Amino acid sequence: MSDHESHNSGLKKYQPEDSWNPFLGLSVSYKLLPQLTLLSSARYTMLD
């Protein structure tokens, strides 16, 4: 967040470095009909 953005938002200035965000996910598909498929997925990401 730049000085200008910090001033406009009221939040303090912040300059992050590189980060690594591991995640765990699960995806499922289920064929309801020959042409129709139900899709679902969930994802949990741990923030650096």
ModelCIF file with pLDDT and N, C-alpha, C, O atoms, coordinates in Angstrom:
data_MODEL
#
_entry.id   MODEL 
#
_entity.id                         1 
_entity.type                       polymer 
_entity.pdbx_number_of_molecules   1 
#
_entity_poly.entity_id                      1 
_entity_poly.type                           'polypeptide(L)' 
_entity_poly.nstd_linkage                   no 
_entity_poly.nstd_monomer                   no 
_entity_poly.pdbx_seq_one_letter_code       MSDHESHNSGLKKYQPEDSWNPFLGLSVSYKLLPQLTLLSSARYTMLD 
_entity_poly.pdbx_seq_one_letter_code_can   MSDHESHNSGLKKYQPEDSWNPFLGLSVSYKLLPQLTLLSSARYTMLD 
_entity_poly.pdbx_strand_id                 A 
#
loop_
_entity_poly_seq.entity_id 
_entity_poly_seq.num 
_entity_poly_seq.mon_id 
_entity_poly_seq.hetero 
1 1  MET n 
1 2  SER n 
1 3  ASP n 
1 4  HIS n 
1 5  GLU n 
1 6  SER n 
1 7  HIS n 
1 8  ASN n 
1 9  SER n 
1 10 GLY n 
1 11 LEU n 
1 12 LYS n 
1 13 LYS n 
1 14 TYR n 
1 15 GLN n 
1 16 PRO n 
1 17 GLU n 
1 18 ASP n 
1 19 SER n 
1 20 TRP n 
1 21 ASN n 
1 22 PRO n 
1 23 PHE n 
1 24 LEU n 
1 25 GLY n 
1 26 LEU n 
1 27 SER n 
1 28 VAL n 
1 29 SER n 
1 30 TYR n 
1 31 LYS n 
1 32 LEU n 
1 33 LEU n 
1 34 PRO n 
1 35 GLN n 
1 36 LEU n 
1 37 THR n 
1 38 LEU n 
1 39 LEU n 
1 40 SER n 
1 41 SER n 
1 42 ALA n 
1 43 ARG n 
1 44 TYR n 
1 45 THR n 
1 46 MET n 
1 47 LEU n 
1 48 ASP n 
#
_struct_asym.id          A 
_struct_asym.entity_id   1 
#
loop_
_ma_qa_metric.id 
_ma_qa_metric.mode 
_ma_qa_metric.name 
_ma_qa_metric.software_group_id 
_ma_qa_metric.type 
1 global pLDDT . pLDDT 
2 local  pLDDT . pLDDT 
#
_ma_qa_metric_global.metric_id      1 
_ma_qa_metric_global.metric_value   87.44 
_ma_qa_metric_global.model_id       1 
_ma_qa_metric_global.ordinal_id     1 
#
loop_
_ma_qa_metric_local.label_asym_id 
_ma_qa_metric_local.label_comp_id 
_ma_qa_metric_local.label_seq_id 
_ma_qa_metric_local.metric_id 
_ma_qa_metric_local.metric_value 
_ma_qa_metric_local.model_id 
_ma_qa_metric_local.ordinal_id 
A MET 1  2 59.00 1 1  
A SER 2  2 65.00 1 2  
A ASP 3  2 70.00 1 3  
A HIS 4  2 73.00 1 4  
A GLU 5  2 75.00 1 5  
A SER 6  2 73.00 1 6  
A HIS 7  2 71.00 1 7  
A ASN 8  2 77.00 1 8  
A SER 9  2 79.00 1 9  
A GLY 10 2 76.00 1 10 
A LEU 11 2 76.00 1 11 
A LYS 12 2 73.00 1 12 
A LYS 13 2 74.00 1 13 
A TYR 14 2 74.00 1 14 
A GLN 15 2 75.00 1 15 
A PRO 16 2 74.00 1 16 
A GLU 17 2 74.00 1 17 
A ASP 18 2 81.00 1 18 
A SER 19 2 85.00 1 19 
A TRP 20 2 90.00 1 20 
A ASN 21 2 89.00 1 21 
A PRO 22 2 95.00 1 22 
A PHE 23 2 97.00 1 23 
A LEU 24 2 98.00 1 24 
A GLY 25 2 98.00 1 25 
A LEU 26 2 98.00 1 26 
A SER 27 2 98.00 1 27 
A VAL 28 2 98.00 1 28 
A SER 29 2 98.00 1 29 
A TYR 30 2 98.00 1 30 
A LYS 31 2 97.00 1 31 
A LEU 32 2 96.00 1 32 
A LEU 33 2 96.00 1 33 
A PRO 34 2 95.00 1 34 
A GLN 35 2 97.00 1 35 
A LEU 36 2 98.00 1 36 
A THR 37 2 98.00 1 37 
A LEU 38 2 98.00 1 38 
A LEU 39 2 98.00 1 39 
A SER 40 2 98.00 1 40 
A SER 41 2 98.00 1 41 
A ALA 42 2 98.00 1 42 
A ARG 43 2 98.00 1 43 
A TYR 44 2 98.00 1 44 
A THR 45 2 96.00 1 45 
A MET 46 2 96.00 1 46 
A LEU 47 2 93.00 1 47 
A ASP 48 2 88.00 1 48 
#
loop_
_atom_site.group_PDB 
_atom_site.id 
_atom_site.type_symbol 
_atom_site.label_atom_id 
_atom_site.label_alt_id 
_atom_site.label_comp_id 
_atom_site.label_asym_id 
_atom_site.label_entity_id 
_atom_site.label_seq_id 
_atom_site.pdbx_PDB_ins_code 
_atom_site.Cartn_x 
_atom_site.Cartn_y 
_atom_site.Cartn_z 
_atom_site.occupancy 
_atom_site.B_iso_or_equiv 
_atom_site.pdbx_formal_charge 
_atom_site.auth_seq_id 
_atom_site.auth_comp_id 
_atom_site.auth_asym_id 
_atom_site.auth_atom_id 
_atom_site.pdbx_PDB_model_num 
ATOM 1   N N  . MET A 1 1  ? 0.857   -1.150  0.000   1.00 59.00 ? 1  MET A N  1 
ATOM 2   C CA . MET A 1 1  ? 0.000   0.000   0.000   1.00 59.00 ? 1  MET A CA 1 
ATOM 3   C C  . MET A 1 1  ? 0.913   1.224   0.000   1.00 59.00 ? 1  MET A C  1 
ATOM 4   O O  . MET A 1 1  ? 1.764   1.366   0.878   1.00 59.00 ? 1  MET A O  1 
ATOM 5   N N  . SER A 1 2  ? 0.738   2.096   -0.969  1.00 65.00 ? 2  SER A N  1 
ATOM 6   C CA . SER A 1 2  ? 1.579   3.281   -1.111  1.00 65.00 ? 2  SER A CA 1 
ATOM 7   C C  . SER A 1 2  ? 1.190   4.350   -0.090  1.00 65.00 ? 2  SER A C  1 
ATOM 8   O O  . SER A 1 2  ? 0.176   4.229   0.596   1.00 65.00 ? 2  SER A O  1 
ATOM 9   N N  . ASP A 1 3  ? 2.012   5.400   -0.002  1.00 70.00 ? 3  ASP A N  1 
ATOM 10  C CA . ASP A 1 3  ? 1.694   6.526   0.884   1.00 70.00 ? 3  ASP A CA 1 
ATOM 11  C C  . ASP A 1 3  ? 0.355   7.142   0.507   1.00 70.00 ? 3  ASP A C  1 
ATOM 12  O O  . ASP A 1 3  ? -0.467  7.445   1.372   1.00 70.00 ? 3  ASP A O  1 
ATOM 13  N N  . HIS A 1 4  ? 0.144   7.323   -0.792  1.00 73.00 ? 4  HIS A N  1 
ATOM 14  C CA . HIS A 1 4  ? -1.108  7.924   -1.274  1.00 73.00 ? 4  HIS A CA 1 
ATOM 15  C C  . HIS A 1 4  ? -2.314  7.053   -0.909  1.00 73.00 ? 4  HIS A C  1 
ATOM 16  O O  . HIS A 1 4  ? -3.319  7.555   -0.407  1.00 73.00 ? 4  HIS A O  1 
ATOM 17  N N  . GLU A 1 5  ? -2.206  5.746   -1.164  1.00 75.00 ? 5  GLU A N  1 
ATOM 18  C CA . GLU A 1 5  ? -3.300  4.825   -0.819  1.00 75.00 ? 5  GLU A CA 1 
ATOM 19  C C  . GLU A 1 5  ? -3.537  4.781   0.686   1.00 75.00 ? 5  GLU A C  1 
ATOM 20  O O  . GLU A 1 5  ? -4.679  4.703   1.139   1.00 75.00 ? 5  GLU A O  1 
ATOM 21  N N  . SER A 1 6  ? -2.460  4.831   1.454   1.00 73.00 ? 6  SER A N  1 
ATOM 22  C CA . SER A 1 6  ? -2.573  4.829   2.906   1.00 73.00 ? 6  SER A CA 1 
ATOM 23  C C  . SER A 1 6  ? -3.308  6.074   3.389   1.00 73.00 ? 6  SER A C  1 
ATOM 24  O O  . SER A 1 6  ? -4.185  5.991   4.249   1.00 73.00 ? 6  SER A O  1 
ATOM 25  N N  . HIS A 1 7  ? -2.955  7.200   2.844   1.00 71.00 ? 7  HIS A N  1 
ATOM 26  C CA . HIS A 1 7  ? -3.600  8.459   3.221   1.00 71.00 ? 7  HIS A CA 1 
ATOM 27  C C  . HIS A 1 7  ? -5.093  8.439   2.872   1.00 71.00 ? 7  HIS A C  1 
ATOM 28  O O  . HIS A 1 7  ? -5.925  8.848   3.681   1.00 71.00 ? 7  HIS A O  1 
ATOM 29  N N  . ASN A 1 8  ? -5.424  7.970   1.683   1.00 77.00 ? 8  ASN A N  1 
ATOM 30  C CA . ASN A 1 8  ? -6.828  7.944   1.239   1.00 77.00 ? 8  ASN A CA 1 
ATOM 31  C C  . ASN A 1 8  ? -7.681  6.938   2.009   1.00 77.00 ? 8  ASN A C  1 
ATOM 32  O O  . ASN A 1 8  ? -8.865  7.181   2.238   1.00 77.00 ? 8  ASN A O  1 
ATOM 33  N N  . SER A 1 9  ? -7.093  5.815   2.408   1.00 79.00 ? 9  SER A N  1 
ATOM 34  C CA . SER A 1 9  ? -7.872  4.764   3.063   1.00 79.00 ? 9  SER A CA 1 
ATOM 35  C C  . SER A 1 9  ? -7.896  4.888   4.586   1.00 79.00 ? 9  SER A C  1 
ATOM 36  O O  . SER A 1 9  ? -8.796  4.364   5.241   1.00 79.00 ? 9  SER A O  1 
ATOM 37  N N  . GLY A 1 10 ? -6.918  5.574   5.140   1.00 76.00 ? 10 GLY A N  1 
ATOM 38  C CA . GLY A 1 10 ? -6.818  5.659   6.591   1.00 76.00 ? 10 GLY A CA 1 
ATOM 39  C C  . GLY A 1 10 ? -6.077  4.480   7.208   1.00 76.00 ? 10 GLY A C  1 
ATOM 40  O O  . GLY A 1 10 ? -5.916  4.421   8.427   1.00 76.00 ? 10 GLY A O  1 
ATOM 41  N N  . LEU A 1 11 ? -5.623  3.541   6.382   1.00 76.00 ? 11 LEU A N  1 
ATOM 42  C CA . LEU A 1 11 ? -4.858  2.392   6.862   1.00 76.00 ? 11 LEU A CA 1 
ATOM 43  C C  . LEU A 1 11 ? -3.376  2.734   6.832   1.00 76.00 ? 11 LEU A C  1 
ATOM 44  O O  . LEU A 1 11 ? -2.944  3.574   6.043   1.00 76.00 ? 11 LEU A O  1 
ATOM 45  N N  . LYS A 1 12 ? -2.590  2.076   7.700   1.00 73.00 ? 12 LYS A N  1 
ATOM 46  C CA . LYS A 1 12 ? -1.155  2.370   7.720   1.00 73.00 ? 12 LYS A CA 1 
ATOM 47  C C  . LYS A 1 12 ? -0.466  1.792   6.483   1.00 73.00 ? 12 LYS A C  1 
ATOM 48  O O  . LYS A 1 12 ? -0.931  0.815   5.896   1.00 73.00 ? 12 LYS A O  1 
ATOM 49  N N  . LYS A 1 13 ? 0.639   2.409   6.104   1.00 74.00 ? 13 LYS A N  1 
ATOM 50  C CA . LYS A 1 13 ? 1.423   1.992   4.943   1.00 74.00 ? 13 LYS A CA 1 
ATOM 51  C C  . LYS A 1 13 ? 1.958   0.577   5.172   1.00 74.00 ? 13 LYS A C  1 
ATOM 52  O O  . LYS A 1 13 ? 2.345   0.226   6.286   1.00 74.00 ? 13 LYS A O  1 
ATOM 53  N N  . TYR A 1 14 ? 1.975   -0.232  4.109   1.00 74.00 ? 14 TYR A N  1 
ATOM 54  C CA . TYR A 1 14 ? 2.446   -1.615  4.227   1.00 74.00 ? 14 TYR A CA 1 
ATOM 55  C C  . TYR A 1 14 ? 3.117   -2.028  2.929   1.00 74.00 ? 14 TYR A C  1 
ATOM 56  O O  . TYR A 1 14 ? 2.539   -1.878  1.853   1.00 74.00 ? 14 TYR A O  1 
ATOM 57  N N  . GLN A 1 15 ? 4.336   -2.548  3.024   1.00 75.00 ? 15 GLN A N  1 
ATOM 58  C CA . GLN A 1 15 ? 5.104   -2.999  1.861   1.00 75.00 ? 15 GLN A CA 1 
ATOM 59  C C  . GLN A 1 15 ? 5.517   -4.460  2.081   1.00 75.00 ? 15 GLN A C  1 
ATOM 60  O O  . GLN A 1 15 ? 6.575   -4.709  2.658   1.00 75.00 ? 15 GLN A O  1 
ATOM 61  N N  . PRO A 1 16 ? 4.713   -5.427  1.638   1.00 74.00 ? 16 PRO A N  1 
ATOM 62  C CA . PRO A 1 16 ? 5.043   -6.840  1.842   1.00 74.00 ? 16 PRO A CA 1 
ATOM 63  C C  . PRO A 1 16 ? 6.144   -7.330  0.913   1.00 74.00 ? 16 PRO A C  1 
ATOM 64  O O  . PRO A 1 16 ? 6.438   -6.714  -0.112  1.00 74.00 ? 16 PRO A O  1 
ATOM 65  N N  . GLU A 1 17 ? 6.736   -8.431  1.289   1.00 74.00 ? 17 GLU A N  1 
ATOM 66  C CA . GLU A 1 17 ? 7.731   -9.129  0.464   1.00 74.00 ? 17 GLU A CA 1 
ATOM 67  C C  . GLU A 1 17 ? 7.032   -10.294 -0.232  1.00 74.00 ? 17 GLU A C  1 
ATOM 68  O O  . GLU A 1 17 ? 5.803   -10.353 -0.267  1.00 74.00 ? 17 GLU A O  1 
ATOM 69  N N  . ASP A 1 18 ? 7.817   -11.221 -0.787  1.00 81.00 ? 18 ASP A N  1 
ATOM 70  C CA . ASP A 1 18 ? 7.264   -12.433 -1.398  1.00 81.00 ? 18 ASP A CA 1 
ATOM 71  C C  . ASP A 1 18 ? 6.536   -13.255 -0.344  1.00 81.00 ? 18 ASP A C  1 
ATOM 72  O O  . ASP A 1 18 ? 6.810   -13.141 0.851   1.00 81.00 ? 18 ASP A O  1 
ATOM 73  N N  . SER A 1 19 ? 5.612   -14.078 -0.801  1.00 85.00 ? 19 SER A N  1 
ATOM 74  C CA . SER A 1 19 ? 4.896   -14.937 0.148   1.00 85.00 ? 19 SER A CA 1 
ATOM 75  C C  . SER A 1 19 ? 4.658   -16.313 -0.447  1.00 85.00 ? 19 SER A C  1 
ATOM 76  O O  . SER A 1 19 ? 4.740   -16.512 -1.659  1.00 85.00 ? 19 SER A O  1 
ATOM 77  N N  . TRP A 1 20 ? 4.365   -17.247 0.428   1.00 90.00 ? 20 TRP A N  1 
ATOM 78  C CA . TRP A 1 20 ? 4.085   -18.634 0.080   1.00 90.00 ? 20 TRP A CA 1 
ATOM 79  C C  . TRP A 1 20 ? 2.797   -19.011 0.782   1.00 90.00 ? 20 TRP A C  1 
ATOM 80  O O  . TRP A 1 20 ? 2.714   -18.915 2.007   1.00 90.00 ? 20 TRP A O  1 
ATOM 81  N N  . ASN A 1 21 ? 1.780   -19.441 0.030   1.00 89.00 ? 21 ASN A N  1 
ATOM 82  C CA . ASN A 1 21 ? 0.464   -19.744 0.590   1.00 89.00 ? 21 ASN A CA 1 
ATOM 83  C C  . ASN A 1 21 ? 0.043   -21.166 0.247   1.00 89.00 ? 21 ASN A C  1 
ATOM 84  O O  . ASN A 1 21 ? -0.587  -21.392 -0.786  1.00 89.00 ? 21 ASN A O  1 
ATOM 85  N N  . PRO A 1 22 ? 0.384   -22.133 1.107   1.00 95.00 ? 22 PRO A N  1 
ATOM 86  C CA . PRO A 1 22 ? -0.025  -23.510 0.832   1.00 95.00 ? 22 PRO A CA 1 
ATOM 87  C C  . PRO A 1 22 ? -1.540  -23.650 0.955   1.00 95.00 ? 22 PRO A C  1 
ATOM 88  O O  . PRO A 1 22 ? -2.186  -22.924 1.711   1.00 95.00 ? 22 PRO A O  1 
ATOM 89  N N  . PHE A 1 23 ? -2.088  -24.589 0.206   1.00 97.00 ? 23 PHE A N  1 
ATOM 90  C CA . PHE A 1 23 ? -3.539  -24.800 0.259   1.00 97.00 ? 23 PHE A CA 1 
ATOM 91  C C  . PHE A 1 23 ? -3.865  -26.280 0.182   1.00 97.00 ? 23 PHE A C  1 
ATOM 92  O O  . PHE A 1 23 ? -3.060  -27.107 -0.247  1.00 97.00 ? 23 PHE A O  1 
ATOM 93  N N  . LEU A 1 24 ? -5.077  -26.575 0.615   1.00 98.00 ? 24 LEU A N  1 
ATOM 94  C CA . LEU A 1 24 ? -5.616  -27.920 0.541   1.00 98.00 ? 24 LEU A CA 1 
ATOM 95  C C  . LEU A 1 24 ? -6.966  -27.810 -0.143  1.00 98.00 ? 24 LEU A C  1 
ATOM 96  O O  . LEU A 1 24 ? -7.793  -26.986 0.249   1.00 98.00 ? 24 LEU A O  1 
ATOM 97  N N  . GLY A 1 25 ? -7.198  -28.620 -1.146  1.00 98.00 ? 25 GLY A N  1 
ATOM 98  C CA . GLY A 1 25 ? -8.455  -28.525 -1.882  1.00 98.00 ? 25 GLY A CA 1 
ATOM 99  C C  . GLY A 1 25 ? -9.042  -29.882 -2.202  1.00 98.00 ? 25 GLY A C  1 
ATOM 100 O O  . GLY A 1 25 ? -8.352  -30.901 -2.224  1.00 98.00 ? 25 GLY A O  1 
ATOM 101 N N  . LEU A 1 26 ? -10.338 -29.860 -2.448  1.00 98.00 ? 26 LEU A N  1 
ATOM 102 C CA . LEU A 1 26 ? -11.055 -31.074 -2.812  1.00 98.00 ? 26 LEU A CA 1 
ATOM 103 C C  . LEU A 1 26 ? -12.064 -30.709 -3.892  1.00 98.00 ? 26 LEU A C  1 
ATOM 104 O O  . LEU A 1 26 ? -12.823 -29.752 -3.738  1.00 98.00 ? 26 LEU A O  1 
ATOM 105 N N  . SER A 1 27 ? -12.075 -31.462 -4.974  1.00 98.00 ? 27 SER A N  1 
ATOM 106 C CA . SER A 1 27 ? -13.037 -31.250 -6.056  1.00 98.00 ? 27 SER A CA 1 
ATOM 107 C C  . SER A 1 27 ? -13.790 -32.540 -6.323  1.00 98.00 ? 27 SER A C  1 
ATOM 108 O O  . SER A 1 27 ? -13.221 -33.632 -6.296  1.00 98.00 ? 27 SER A O  1 
ATOM 109 N N  . VAL A 1 28 ? -15.088 -32.390 -6.583  1.00 98.00 ? 28 VAL A N  1 
ATOM 110 C CA . VAL A 1 28 ? -15.942 -33.549 -6.829  1.00 98.00 ? 28 VAL A CA 1 
ATOM 111 C C  . VAL A 1 28 ? -16.845 -33.248 -8.023  1.00 98.00 ? 28 VAL A C  1 
ATOM 112 O O  . VAL A 1 28 ? -17.351 -32.136 -8.169  1.00 98.00 ? 28 VAL A O  1 
ATOM 113 N N  . SER A 1 29 ? -17.035 -34.239 -8.859  1.00 98.00 ? 29 SER A N  1 
ATOM 114 C CA . SER A 1 29 ? -18.029 -34.118 -9.935  1.00 98.00 ? 29 SER A CA 1 
ATOM 115 C C  . SER A 1 29 ? -18.893 -35.373 -9.907  1.00 98.00 ? 29 SER A C  1 
ATOM 116 O O  . SER A 1 29 ? -18.410 -36.481 -9.674  1.00 98.00 ? 29 SER A O  1 
ATOM 117 N N  . TYR A 1 30 ? -20.188 -35.166 -10.151 1.00 98.00 ? 30 TYR A N  1 
ATOM 118 C CA . TYR A 1 30 ? -21.145 -36.277 -10.107 1.00 98.00 ? 30 TYR A CA 1 
ATOM 119 C C  . TYR A 1 30 ? -22.074 -36.164 -11.311 1.00 98.00 ? 30 TYR A C  1 
ATOM 120 O O  . TYR A 1 30 ? -22.771 -35.165 -11.485 1.00 98.00 ? 30 TYR A O  1 
ATOM 121 N N  . LYS A 1 31 ? -22.070 -37.190 -12.123 1.00 97.00 ? 31 LYS A N  1 
ATOM 122 C CA . LYS A 1 31 ? -22.899 -37.187 -13.326 1.00 97.00 ? 31 LYS A CA 1 
ATOM 123 C C  . LYS A 1 31 ? -24.340 -37.517 -12.948 1.00 97.00 ? 31 LYS A C  1 
ATOM 124 O O  . LYS A 1 31 ? -24.637 -38.631 -12.516 1.00 97.00 ? 31 LYS A O  1 
ATOM 125 N N  . LEU A 1 32 ? -25.237 -36.537 -13.115 1.00 96.00 ? 32 LEU A N  1 
ATOM 126 C CA . LEU A 1 32 ? -26.656 -36.732 -12.815 1.00 96.00 ? 32 LEU A CA 1 
ATOM 127 C C  . LEU A 1 32 ? -27.388 -37.373 -13.981 1.00 96.00 ? 32 LEU A C  1 
ATOM 128 O O  . LEU A 1 32 ? -28.237 -38.243 -13.789 1.00 96.00 ? 32 LEU A O  1 
ATOM 129 N N  . LEU A 1 33 ? -27.057 -36.943 -15.181 1.00 96.00 ? 33 LEU A N  1 
ATOM 130 C CA . LEU A 1 33 ? -27.601 -37.471 -16.430 1.00 96.00 ? 33 LEU A CA 1 
ATOM 131 C C  . LEU A 1 33 ? -26.443 -37.570 -17.406 1.00 96.00 ? 33 LEU A C  1 
ATOM 132 O O  . LEU A 1 33 ? -25.368 -37.042 -17.123 1.00 96.00 ? 33 LEU A O  1 
ATOM 133 N N  . PRO A 1 34 ? -26.623 -38.229 -18.550 1.00 95.00 ? 34 PRO A N  1 
ATOM 134 C CA . PRO A 1 34 ? -25.520 -38.308 -19.510 1.00 95.00 ? 34 PRO A CA 1 
ATOM 135 C C  . PRO A 1 34 ? -24.956 -36.937 -19.902 1.00 95.00 ? 34 PRO A C  1 
ATOM 136 O O  . PRO A 1 34 ? -23.759 -36.822 -20.165 1.00 95.00 ? 34 PRO A O  1 
ATOM 137 N N  . GLN A 1 35 ? -25.800 -35.894 -19.947 1.00 97.00 ? 35 GLN A N  1 
ATOM 138 C CA . GLN A 1 35 ? -25.337 -34.564 -20.334 1.00 97.00 ? 35 GLN A CA 1 
ATOM 139 C C  . GLN A 1 35 ? -25.152 -33.615 -19.150 1.00 97.00 ? 35 GLN A C  1 
ATOM 140 O O  . GLN A 1 35 ? -24.564 -32.546 -19.317 1.00 97.00 ? 35 GLN A O  1 
ATOM 141 N N  . LEU A 1 36 ? -25.631 -33.969 -17.975 1.00 98.00 ? 36 LEU A N  1 
ATOM 142 C CA . LEU A 1 36 ? -25.670 -33.060 -16.837 1.00 98.00 ? 36 LEU A CA 1 
ATOM 143 C C  . LEU A 1 36 ? -24.748 -33.541 -15.713 1.00 98.00 ? 36 LEU A C  1 
ATOM 144 O O  . LEU A 1 36 ? -24.875 -34.665 -15.227 1.00 98.00 ? 36 LEU A O  1 
ATOM 145 N N  . THR A 1 37 ? -23.818 -32.672 -15.310 1.00 98.00 ? 37 THR A N  1 
ATOM 146 C CA . THR A 1 37 ? -22.868 -33.007 -14.251 1.00 98.00 ? 37 THR A CA 1 
ATOM 147 C C  . THR A 1 37 ? -22.922 -31.950 -13.157 1.00 98.00 ? 37 THR A C  1 
ATOM 148 O O  . THR A 1 37 ? -22.943 -30.753 -13.442 1.00 98.00 ? 37 THR A O  1 
ATOM 149 N N  . LEU A 1 38 ? -22.944 -32.393 -11.917 1.00 98.00 ? 38 LEU A N  1 
ATOM 150 C CA . LEU A 1 38 ? -22.895 -31.507 -10.761 1.00 98.00 ? 38 LEU A CA 1 
ATOM 151 C C  . LEU A 1 38 ? -21.437 -31.380 -10.329 1.00 98.00 ? 38 LEU A C  1 
ATOM 152 O O  . LEU A 1 38 ? -20.738 -32.385 -10.200 1.00 98.00 ? 38 LEU A O  1 
ATOM 153 N N  . LEU A 1 39 ? -20.977 -30.151 -10.105 1.00 98.00 ? 39 LEU A N  1 
ATOM 154 C CA . LEU A 1 39 ? -19.584 -29.886 -9.740  1.00 98.00 ? 39 LEU A CA 1 
ATOM 155 C C  . LEU A 1 39 ? -19.535 -29.206 -8.382  1.00 98.00 ? 39 LEU A C  1 
ATOM 156 O O  . LEU A 1 39 ? -20.413 -28.411 -8.049  1.00 98.00 ? 39 LEU A O  1 
ATOM 157 N N  . SER A 1 40 ? -18.509 -29.518 -7.599  1.00 98.00 ? 40 SER A N  1 
ATOM 158 C CA . SER A 1 40 ? -18.330 -28.867 -6.312  1.00 98.00 ? 40 SER A CA 1 
ATOM 159 C C  . SER A 1 40 ? -16.855 -28.914 -5.941  1.00 98.00 ? 40 SER A C  1 
ATOM 160 O O  . SER A 1 40 ? -16.171 -29.900 -6.217  1.00 98.00 ? 40 SER A O  1 
ATOM 161 N N  . SER A 1 41 ? -16.371 -27.853 -5.319  1.00 98.00 ? 41 SER A N  1 
ATOM 162 C CA . SER A 1 41 ? -14.999 -27.858 -4.824  1.00 98.00 ? 41 SER A CA 1 
ATOM 163 C C  . SER A 1 41 ? -14.892 -26.947 -3.608  1.00 98.00 ? 41 SER A C  1 
ATOM 164 O O  . SER A 1 41 ? -15.646 -25.986 -3.455  1.00 98.00 ? 41 SER A O  1 
ATOM 165 N N  . ALA A 1 42 ? -13.938 -27.278 -2.755  1.00 98.00 ? 42 ALA A N  1 
ATOM 166 C CA . ALA A 1 42 ? -13.647 -26.491 -1.567  1.00 98.00 ? 42 ALA A CA 1 
ATOM 167 C C  . ALA A 1 42 ? -12.136 -26.317 -1.490  1.00 98.00 ? 42 ALA A C  1 
ATOM 168 O O  . ALA A 1 42 ? -11.373 -27.199 -1.883  1.00 98.00 ? 42 ALA A O  1 
ATOM 169 N N  . ARG A 1 43 ? -11.715 -25.149 -0.972  1.00 98.00 ? 43 ARG A N  1 
ATOM 170 C CA . ARG A 1 43 ? -10.282 -24.875 -0.881  1.00 98.00 ? 43 ARG A CA 1 
ATOM 171 C C  . ARG A 1 43 ? -9.992  -24.078 0.391   1.00 98.00 ? 43 ARG A C  1 
ATOM 172 O O  . ARG A 1 43 ? -10.632 -23.063 0.665   1.00 98.00 ? 43 ARG A O  1 
ATOM 173 N N  . TYR A 1 44 ? -9.018  -24.555 1.156   1.00 98.00 ? 44 TYR A N  1 
ATOM 174 C CA . TYR A 1 44 ? -8.557  -23.891 2.376   1.00 98.00 ? 44 TYR A CA 1 
ATOM 175 C C  . TYR A 1 44 ? -7.124  -23.432 2.129   1.00 98.00 ? 44 TYR A C  1 
ATOM 176 O O  . TYR A 1 44 ? -6.252  -24.250 1.840   1.00 98.00 ? 44 TYR A O  1 
ATOM 177 N N  . THR A 1 45 ? -6.878  -22.129 2.241   1.00 96.00 ? 45 THR A N  1 
ATOM 178 C CA . THR A 1 45 ? -5.554  -21.562 2.002   1.00 96.00 ? 45 THR A CA 1 
ATOM 179 C C  . THR A 1 45 ? -5.022  -20.939 3.280   1.00 96.00 ? 45 THR A C  1 
ATOM 180 O O  . THR A 1 45 ? -5.690  -20.107 3.895   1.00 96.00 ? 45 THR A O  1 
ATOM 181 N N  . MET A 1 46 ? -3.824  -21.338 3.681   1.00 96.00 ? 46 MET A N  1 
ATOM 182 C CA . MET A 1 46 ? -3.165  -20.750 4.840   1.00 96.00 ? 46 MET A CA 1 
ATOM 183 C C  . MET A 1 46 ? -2.343  -19.552 4.357   1.00 96.00 ? 46 MET A C  1 
ATOM 184 O O  . MET A 1 46 ? -1.440  -19.707 3.535   1.00 96.00 ? 46 MET A O  1 
ATOM 185 N N  . LEU A 1 47 ? -2.652  -18.377 4.860   1.00 93.00 ? 47 LEU A N  1 
ATOM 186 C CA . LEU A 1 47 ? -2.008  -17.161 4.386   1.00 93.00 ? 47 LEU A CA 1 
ATOM 187 C C  . LEU A 1 47 ? -0.647  -16.949 5.055   1.00 93.00 ? 47 LEU A C  1 
ATOM 188 O O  . LEU A 1 47 ? -0.496  -17.140 6.262   1.00 93.00 ? 47 LEU A O  1 
ATOM 189 N N  . ASP A 1 48 ? 0.315   -16.561 4.265   1.00 88.00 ? 48 ASP A N  1 
ATOM 190 C CA . ASP A 1 48 ? 1.658   -16.254 4.740   1.00 88.00 ? 48 ASP A CA 1 
ATOM 191 C C  . ASP A 1 48 ? 1.632   -15.002 5.621   1.00 88.00 ? 48 ASP A C  1 
ATOM 192 O O  . ASP A 1 48 ? 2.674   -14.578 6.121   1.00 88.00 ? 48 ASP A O  1 
#
